[in-house]
Amino acid sequence: MEHSTGYNDFEWAIGLNRLMLKIIGLWPPDSRDPHETIKSKFRLLCSIIIILFILTIPTFASLIKIWGNMMLMIDNLIYSLSLLIALFKVFIIWYKQEDLVLLIDMIAIDWMKPKIKEERDVMLKLTNISRMIAIYGWLLPFIVTMICITLPCFGRTIRYITNLTDPGKPMMVQTYYLHGVSKSPQFELTLLAQGIALCTTCIAYYSIDHFLGLLVLHVYGQMENLHIRLTHMERYTNFDSVLKYNVQDHSRLIRSIQIIDDSFDLLLIAIILYFDIIFCLLGFFIINVLNDDGQLPFMQLVCVVGTIISVLLHMCLYCVVGEILVTQCEKIHRAAYEYAWYTLDPKAARNLILIMLRASKPLYITAGKTFPMTMATFCNLLKTSAGYISVLLANQD
């Protein structure tokens, strides 16, 4: 049976994000299919167990073991904090699944309802951007993960290692296990388990970021279509009906942004704290190496640079998607004010006030209902982190 163009567009728009979230059991299952619900919960439970017991707990056990050695602690915290954030993301999205179902249903309705070619082109353009972000966003962590998995097979690593953390063959992540891992086949089996856990962690970490990008870019596209309708309402013969539809659509989009903010605000405040800590730790690590006239091995340098770029890009992604919502809200506000209301019937002109009032308040996604996620926030985070690193550098001198 052939599906409609709208359905095919919807499947294309969410396909990549749905696949990644389904792997770890976070894509909301069809409530009408109990077997799918059970399978989704099973995948989620397996993902949590893999991340928690193969990497997270052994990593923090290693942190306790090497406590007091600053360089080893930094090497450990780069991984252990990332694992904690990945688990936190999983729990937040799982807890907010009911709200996210409403957003997914909204996306499906928007794609399958009748629309003019201009509106469909806007949605396709932004969906293509969302897919490119997801595809290229996977490229860097995929390369780093493959390097982390491959090098220990040849007795090498990109980590900072000593006999304290790696008395035998080096592992991918600084961990401490109760069983010996230096002999075969324990080493190979543990390495395989770490590889699976690291891939699961990357999927959990990055797929949730890209899912947020999908949601915000879809809302942005709907606001762009609303802006088009507002600026060209003279095309339509029934002005009152079109204006009523636009007011209702604007209210729907405002509610959608509120749901997104409620679903991700705790996650975003954790991401900001994580960004500051990791950025400062990496800065301190590099400063210590430079001041000791040491040189980083090439693969370790690649790991440090890759981590910095990845953290910066994803923090920037959060702030960019928040910034475009503010910009689009201002466009709608300006379109309502600049409309030629003086050519309308006075009663119809008064109805424009509804959109003017609603659009006068900027729409944000926030971190903990406190910090708006905008490019100004991103710049302030960079200034704060760079200021801390400069203080460390001054103290080292």
Protein backbone atom coordinates (compact mmCIF):
# COMPACT_ATOMS: atom_id res chain seq x y z
CA MET A 1 0.00 0.00 0.00
CA GLU A 2 1.39 3.39 -1.00
CA HIS A 3 1.62 6.10 1.65
CA SER A 4 0.86 9.76 1.15
CA THR A 5 3.60 12.26 0.37
CA GLY A 6 3.13 13.78 3.82
CA TYR A 7 3.66 10.42 5.52
CA ASN A 8 6.78 9.72 3.47
CA ASP A 9 8.14 13.17 4.33
CA PHE A 10 7.44 12.52 8.02
CA GLU A 11 9.26 9.16 7.91
CA TRP A 12 12.23 10.81 6.18
CA ALA A 13 12.27 13.68 8.69
CA ILE A 14 12.39 11.57 11.86
CA GLY A 15 13.93 8.34 10.55
CA LEU A 16 17.53 8.89 11.63
CA ASN A 17 16.66 10.27 15.08
CA ARG A 18 14.11 7.51 15.67
CA LEU A 19 16.64 4.80 14.76
CA MET A 20 19.25 6.10 17.22
CA LEU A 21 16.78 6.53 20.07
CA LYS A 22 15.18 3.15 19.40
CA ILE A 23 18.56 1.42 19.78
CA ILE A 24 18.76 2.54 23.42
CA GLY A 25 15.01 2.24 24.06
CA LEU A 26 14.22 5.94 24.37
CA TRP A 27 11.93 6.43 21.37
CA PRO A 28 8.35 6.47 22.74
CA PRO A 29 6.79 3.12 21.70
CA ASP A 30 3.34 2.71 20.18
CA SER A 31 1.01 2.48 23.18
CA ARG A 32 -1.34 0.26 21.15
CA ASP A 33 1.35 -2.45 20.83
CA PRO A 34 2.23 -3.95 24.25
CA HIS A 35 5.00 -6.08 22.75
CA GLU A 36 6.75 -3.00 21.36
CA THR A 37 6.46 -1.32 24.78
CA ILE A 38 8.08 -4.31 26.48
CA LYS A 39 10.90 -4.46 23.91
CA SER A 40 11.54 -0.73 24.31
CA LYS A 41 11.77 -1.03 28.10
CA PHE A 42 14.06 -4.04 27.76
CA ARG A 43 16.43 -2.15 25.43
CA LEU A 44 16.43 0.81 27.83
CA LEU A 45 17.22 -1.42 30.82
CA CYS A 46 20.05 -3.14 28.92
CA SER A 47 21.51 0.23 27.88
CA ILE A 48 21.49 1.54 31.45
CA ILE A 49 23.05 -1.66 32.83
CA ILE A 50 25.77 -1.66 30.15
CA ILE A 51 26.74 1.98 30.73
CA LEU A 52 26.49 1.78 34.52
CA PHE A 53 28.22 -1.52 35.32
CA ILE A 54 30.77 -1.82 32.50
CA LEU A 55 32.02 1.79 32.48
CA THR A 56 30.56 4.17 35.06
CA ILE A 57 31.07 2.25 38.32
CA PRO A 58 34.54 0.89 37.36
CA THR A 59 35.59 4.39 36.24
CA PHE A 60 34.65 5.95 39.58
CA ALA A 61 36.31 3.04 41.39
CA SER A 62 39.48 3.93 39.50
CA LEU A 63 39.02 7.60 40.47
CA ILE A 64 39.03 6.64 44.15
CA LYS A 65 42.15 4.54 43.60
CA ILE A 66 44.17 7.37 41.97
CA TRP A 67 42.81 10.20 44.16
CA GLY A 68 45.48 12.85 44.75
CA ASN A 69 47.28 12.50 41.41
CA MET A 70 45.95 15.53 39.54
CA MET A 71 46.87 14.45 36.01
CA LEU A 72 45.36 10.99 36.44
CA MET A 73 42.24 12.48 38.04
CA ILE A 74 41.76 14.83 35.08
CA ASP A 75 42.18 11.93 32.67
CA ASN A 76 39.57 10.00 34.66
CA LEU A 77 37.07 12.86 35.02
CA ILE A 78 37.00 13.54 31.27
CA TYR A 79 35.45 10.08 30.86
CA SER A 80 33.55 9.68 34.12
CA LEU A 81 31.72 13.02 33.89
CA SER A 82 30.75 12.24 30.29
CA LEU A 83 29.32 8.90 31.45
CA LEU A 84 27.33 10.61 34.19
CA ILE A 85 25.91 13.16 31.75
CA ALA A 86 24.96 10.37 29.31
CA LEU A 87 23.10 8.52 32.08
CA PHE A 88 21.44 11.75 33.23
CA LYS A 89 20.25 12.42 29.66
CA VAL A 90 18.80 8.91 29.44
CA PHE A 91 16.87 9.26 32.69
CA ILE A 92 15.55 12.74 31.80
CA ILE A 93 14.28 11.68 28.37
CA TRP A 94 12.77 8.51 29.83
CA TYR A 95 11.01 10.52 32.54
CA LYS A 96 9.67 13.03 29.99
CA GLN A 97 8.53 10.50 27.40
CA GLU A 98 4.82 11.34 27.78
CA ASP A 99 5.50 14.99 26.97
CA LEU A 100 7.76 14.06 24.07
CA VAL A 101 4.99 11.90 22.57
CA LEU A 102 2.92 15.09 22.21
CA LEU A 103 5.76 16.75 20.29
CA ILE A 104 6.24 13.73 18.00
CA ASP A 105 2.50 13.66 17.31
CA MET A 106 2.64 17.37 16.51
CA ILE A 107 5.44 16.75 13.99
CA ALA A 108 3.42 13.94 12.37
CA ILE A 109 0.30 16.13 12.10
CA ASP A 110 2.27 19.03 10.63
CA TRP A 111 3.80 16.84 7.95
CA MET A 112 0.58 15.07 6.97
CA LYS A 113 -1.82 18.01 6.94
CA PRO A 114 -2.43 19.82 3.62
CA LYS A 115 0.09 22.56 2.88
CA ILE A 116 1.17 24.72 -0.01
CA LYS A 117 4.45 23.99 -1.82
CA GLU A 118 6.17 27.01 -0.21
CA GLU A 119 5.44 25.71 3.29
CA ARG A 120 6.57 22.18 2.42
CA ASP A 121 9.82 23.54 0.96
CA VAL A 122 10.54 25.39 4.22
CA MET A 123 9.96 22.22 6.25
CA LEU A 124 12.10 20.09 3.92
CA LYS A 125 14.94 22.62 4.04
CA LEU A 126 15.04 22.67 7.85
CA THR A 127 14.65 18.90 8.10
CA ASN A 128 17.62 18.51 5.78
CA ILE A 129 19.64 20.78 8.11
CA SER A 130 18.56 18.65 11.08
CA ARG A 131 19.66 15.46 9.30
CA MET A 132 23.01 16.99 8.32
CA ILE A 133 23.59 18.03 11.95
CA ALA A 134 22.86 14.46 13.04
CA ILE A 135 25.06 12.87 10.37
CA TYR A 136 28.06 15.17 10.77
CA GLY A 137 27.51 15.26 14.53
CA TRP A 138 28.17 11.52 14.56
CA LEU A 139 31.33 11.76 12.47
CA LEU A 140 33.72 13.10 15.14
CA PRO A 141 32.61 10.83 18.03
CA PHE A 142 32.57 7.84 15.66
CA ILE A 143 36.19 8.47 14.67
CA VAL A 144 37.29 8.96 18.29
CA THR A 145 35.38 5.85 19.40
CA MET A 146 36.96 3.71 16.67
CA ILE A 147 40.41 4.98 17.69
CA CYS A 148 39.68 4.19 21.35
CA ILE A 149 38.55 0.67 20.42
CA THR A 150 41.34 -0.12 17.95
CA LEU A 151 44.50 1.15 19.70
CA PRO A 152 44.32 -1.08 22.83
CA CYS A 153 44.31 -4.10 20.54
CA PHE A 154 47.89 -3.12 19.61
CA GLY A 155 48.95 -2.25 23.15
CA ARG A 156 48.53 1.53 22.67
CA THR A 157 46.16 4.12 24.07
CA ILE A 158 45.25 7.80 23.76
CA ARG A 159 44.94 8.18 27.53
CA TYR A 160 47.40 9.44 30.14
CA ILE A 161 48.55 6.15 31.69
CA THR A 162 50.89 5.02 34.49
CA ASN A 163 51.58 1.71 36.22
CA LEU A 164 49.03 2.80 38.82
CA THR A 165 46.12 2.77 36.38
CA ASP A 166 47.36 0.26 33.79
CA PRO A 167 49.74 -2.31 35.31
CA GLY A 168 49.26 -4.58 32.29
CA LYS A 169 47.76 -3.91 28.89
CA PRO A 170 46.03 -0.51 28.60
CA MET A 171 42.23 -0.37 28.41
CA MET A 172 40.12 2.12 26.44
CA VAL A 173 38.89 3.86 29.58
CA GLN A 174 40.58 4.28 32.96
CA THR A 175 38.71 1.65 34.99
CA TYR A 176 39.20 -0.67 37.94
CA TYR A 177 37.66 -4.16 37.89
CA LEU A 178 37.60 -6.77 40.61
CA HIS A 179 38.77 -9.41 38.13
CA GLY A 180 42.19 -9.38 36.48
CA VAL A 181 42.17 -7.93 32.97
CA SER A 182 45.83 -8.25 31.95
CA LYS A 183 45.67 -11.87 30.78
CA SER A 184 43.86 -13.48 27.89
CA PRO A 185 40.97 -14.02 27.37
CA GLN A 186 39.89 -11.66 30.19
CA PHE A 187 41.56 -8.72 28.48
CA GLU A 188 39.87 -9.33 25.11
CA LEU A 189 36.45 -9.92 26.68
CA THR A 190 36.73 -6.81 28.87
CA LEU A 191 37.90 -4.76 25.91
CA LEU A 192 34.94 -5.97 23.85
CA ALA A 193 32.55 -5.12 26.69
CA GLN A 194 34.06 -1.64 26.99
CA GLY A 195 33.70 -1.15 23.23
CA ILE A 196 30.00 -2.05 23.34
CA ALA A 197 29.47 0.18 26.39
CA LEU A 198 31.34 3.09 24.77
CA CYS A 199 29.22 2.83 21.59
CA THR A 200 26.04 2.71 23.70
CA THR A 201 27.19 5.77 25.65
CA CYS A 202 27.90 7.72 22.45
CA ILE A 203 24.47 6.86 21.05
CA ALA A 204 22.78 7.96 24.29
CA TYR A 205 24.86 11.15 24.53
CA TYR A 206 24.60 12.41 20.95
CA SER A 207 21.20 11.13 19.81
CA ILE A 208 19.45 13.13 22.54
CA ASP A 209 21.27 16.30 21.46
CA HIS A 210 20.21 15.72 17.85
CA PHE A 211 16.64 14.97 18.93
CA LEU A 212 16.45 18.37 20.61
CA GLY A 213 17.76 19.91 17.38
CA LEU A 214 15.03 18.10 15.42
CA LEU A 215 12.27 19.38 17.73
CA VAL A 216 13.43 23.00 17.75
CA LEU A 217 14.11 23.16 14.01
CA HIS A 218 10.63 21.75 13.31
CA VAL A 219 9.03 24.41 15.50
CA TYR A 220 11.24 26.99 13.77
CA GLY A 221 9.92 25.80 10.40
CA GLN A 222 6.32 26.09 11.57
CA MET A 223 6.99 29.61 12.83
CA GLU A 224 8.56 30.48 9.47
CA ASN A 225 5.39 29.23 7.72
CA LEU A 226 3.31 31.32 10.13
CA HIS A 227 5.45 34.32 9.26
CA ILE A 228 4.84 33.70 5.55
CA ARG A 229 1.07 33.53 6.08
CA LEU A 230 1.08 36.69 8.18
CA THR A 231 2.99 38.71 5.61
CA HIS A 232 0.80 37.53 2.71
CA MET A 233 -2.70 37.43 4.19
CA GLU A 234 -3.95 39.53 1.29
CA ARG A 235 -3.74 36.36 -0.82
CA TYR A 236 -6.68 34.86 1.02
CA THR A 237 -10.30 35.83 0.43
CA ASN A 238 -11.53 35.03 3.94
CA PHE A 239 -9.30 37.21 6.11
CA ASP A 240 -11.08 36.44 9.41
CA SER A 241 -10.76 32.65 9.02
CA VAL A 242 -7.10 32.87 8.05
CA LEU A 243 -6.32 35.21 10.96
CA LYS A 244 -8.15 32.89 13.38
CA TYR A 245 -6.13 29.92 12.08
CA ASN A 246 -2.88 31.87 12.48
CA VAL A 247 -3.71 32.88 16.06
CA GLN A 248 -4.51 29.27 16.96
CA ASP A 249 -1.35 28.03 15.24
CA HIS A 250 0.74 30.61 17.08
CA SER A 251 -0.73 29.49 20.41
CA ARG A 252 0.03 25.86 19.51
CA LEU A 253 3.66 26.67 18.75
CA ILE A 254 4.03 28.59 22.02
CA ARG A 255 2.75 25.54 23.92
CA SER A 256 5.18 23.33 22.00
CA ILE A 257 8.14 25.49 22.99
CA GLN A 258 6.98 25.40 26.62
CA ILE A 259 6.87 21.59 26.47
CA ILE A 260 10.38 21.49 24.99
CA ASP A 261 11.62 23.85 27.70
CA ASP A 262 9.96 21.82 30.48
CA SER A 263 11.44 18.60 29.07
CA PHE A 264 15.02 19.80 28.62
CA ASP A 265 15.59 22.56 31.21
CA LEU A 266 17.18 20.29 33.86
CA LEU A 267 19.25 18.59 31.20
CA LEU A 268 20.54 21.92 29.89
CA ILE A 269 21.64 23.19 33.32
CA ALA A 270 23.58 19.92 33.78
CA ILE A 271 25.12 20.37 30.32
CA ILE A 272 26.27 23.90 31.20
CA LEU A 273 27.96 22.68 34.40
CA TYR A 274 29.54 19.79 32.49
CA PHE A 275 30.81 22.14 29.78
CA ASP A 276 32.45 24.49 32.30
CA ILE A 277 34.10 21.65 34.24
CA ILE A 278 35.40 19.75 31.18
CA PHE A 279 36.65 22.92 29.47
CA CYS A 280 38.55 23.95 32.59
CA LEU A 281 39.95 20.45 33.18
CA LEU A 282 41.27 20.22 29.63
CA GLY A 283 42.72 23.73 29.89
CA PHE A 284 44.46 22.83 33.16
CA PHE A 285 45.76 19.60 31.60
CA ILE A 286 47.28 21.42 28.60
CA ILE A 287 48.78 24.16 30.78
CA ASN A 288 50.50 21.58 32.99
CA VAL A 289 51.97 19.81 29.98
CA LEU A 290 53.27 23.07 28.49
CA ASN A 291 54.72 24.37 31.76
CA ASP A 292 56.52 21.08 32.37
CA ASP A 293 58.08 21.37 28.89
CA GLY A 294 56.39 18.12 28.04
CA GLN A 295 54.96 17.03 24.75
CA LEU A 296 51.73 15.20 24.25
CA PRO A 297 51.89 12.07 22.10
CA PHE A 298 50.18 12.66 18.77
CA MET A 299 47.21 10.36 19.44
CA GLN A 300 46.66 11.86 22.89
CA LEU A 301 46.78 15.34 21.33
CA VAL A 302 44.14 14.21 18.80
CA CYS A 303 41.97 12.97 21.66
CA VAL A 304 42.25 16.25 23.62
CA VAL A 305 41.56 18.39 20.54
CA GLY A 306 38.68 16.14 19.47
CA THR A 307 37.12 16.32 22.94
CA ILE A 308 37.40 20.13 23.03
CA ILE A 309 35.86 20.49 19.55
CA SER A 310 33.06 18.03 20.33
CA VAL A 311 32.14 19.75 23.60
CA LEU A 312 32.25 23.19 21.98
CA LEU A 313 30.14 22.14 19.00
CA HIS A 314 27.42 20.55 21.09
CA MET A 315 27.28 23.43 23.54
CA CYS A 316 27.07 25.75 20.54
CA LEU A 317 24.26 23.60 19.09
CA TYR A 318 22.16 24.04 22.23
CA CYS A 319 22.65 27.80 22.14
CA VAL A 320 22.07 28.14 18.38
CA VAL A 321 18.73 26.33 18.47
CA GLY A 322 17.66 28.59 21.33
CA GLU A 323 18.82 31.69 19.46
CA ILE A 324 16.82 30.90 16.32
CA LEU A 325 13.61 30.64 18.35
CA VAL A 326 14.15 34.15 19.70
CA THR A 327 14.90 35.46 16.20
CA GLN A 328 11.83 33.82 14.69
CA CYS A 329 9.58 35.16 17.45
CA GLU A 330 10.82 38.67 16.69
CA LYS A 331 10.06 38.14 12.98
CA ILE A 332 6.45 37.19 13.76
CA HIS A 333 6.10 40.17 16.07
CA ARG A 334 7.46 42.49 13.39
CA ALA A 335 5.25 40.96 10.66
CA ALA A 336 2.11 41.58 12.75
CA TYR A 337 3.13 45.19 13.46
CA GLU A 338 4.11 45.97 9.87
CA TYR A 339 0.97 44.54 8.31
CA ALA A 340 -1.14 47.14 6.51
CA TRP A 341 -3.82 47.12 9.19
CA TYR A 342 -5.16 50.52 8.10
CA THR A 343 -6.59 48.91 4.96
CA LEU A 344 -8.67 46.45 6.99
CA ASP A 345 -12.03 46.65 8.65
CA PRO A 346 -11.48 48.07 12.19
CA LYS A 347 -12.80 44.89 13.84
CA ALA A 348 -10.46 42.69 11.78
CA ALA A 349 -7.55 45.03 12.46
CA ARG A 350 -8.12 44.76 16.22
CA ASN A 351 -7.74 40.99 16.01
CA LEU A 352 -4.11 41.45 14.97
CA ILE A 353 -3.45 42.61 18.53
CA LEU A 354 -3.78 38.99 19.71
CA ILE A 355 -0.69 37.95 17.77
CA MET A 356 1.14 41.20 18.61
CA LEU A 357 0.68 40.61 22.36
CA ARG A 358 1.69 36.95 22.22
CA ALA A 359 4.71 37.63 20.01
CA SER A 360 5.92 40.56 22.13
CA LYS A 361 7.36 38.14 24.70
CA PRO A 362 10.48 36.30 23.42
CA LEU A 363 10.33 32.50 23.43
CA TYR A 364 13.32 30.79 25.02
CA ILE A 365 14.49 27.36 25.86
CA THR A 366 16.27 27.75 29.19
CA ALA A 367 18.74 25.98 31.43
CA GLY A 368 16.96 25.29 34.70
CA LYS A 369 14.40 28.05 33.97
CA THR A 370 17.25 30.48 34.66
CA PHE A 371 19.63 30.95 31.72
CA PRO A 372 18.21 31.46 28.22
CA MET A 373 20.04 29.30 25.70
CA THR A 374 21.28 31.95 23.28
CA MET A 375 24.59 32.81 21.64
CA ALA A 376 25.11 35.48 24.30
CA THR A 377 25.00 32.72 26.93
CA PHE A 378 27.49 30.67 24.90
CA CYS A 379 29.90 33.63 24.70
CA ASN A 380 29.57 34.22 28.45
CA LEU A 381 30.37 30.55 29.12
CA LEU A 382 33.49 30.79 26.96
CA LYS A 383 34.59 33.99 28.74
CA THR A 384 34.06 32.43 32.17
CA SER A 385 35.93 29.24 31.29
CA ALA A 386 38.77 31.12 29.57
CA GLY A 387 39.02 33.43 32.57
CA TYR A 388 39.43 30.48 34.88
CA ILE A 389 42.13 28.97 32.65
CA SER A 390 44.00 32.31 32.56
CA VAL A 391 43.94 32.38 36.39
CA LEU A 392 45.45 28.89 36.42
CA LEU A 393 48.08 29.97 33.93
CA ALA A 394 48.98 33.02 36.04
CA ASN A 395 49.27 30.87 39.17
CA GLN A 396 51.50 28.41 37.32
CA ASP A 397 53.83 31.26 36.31
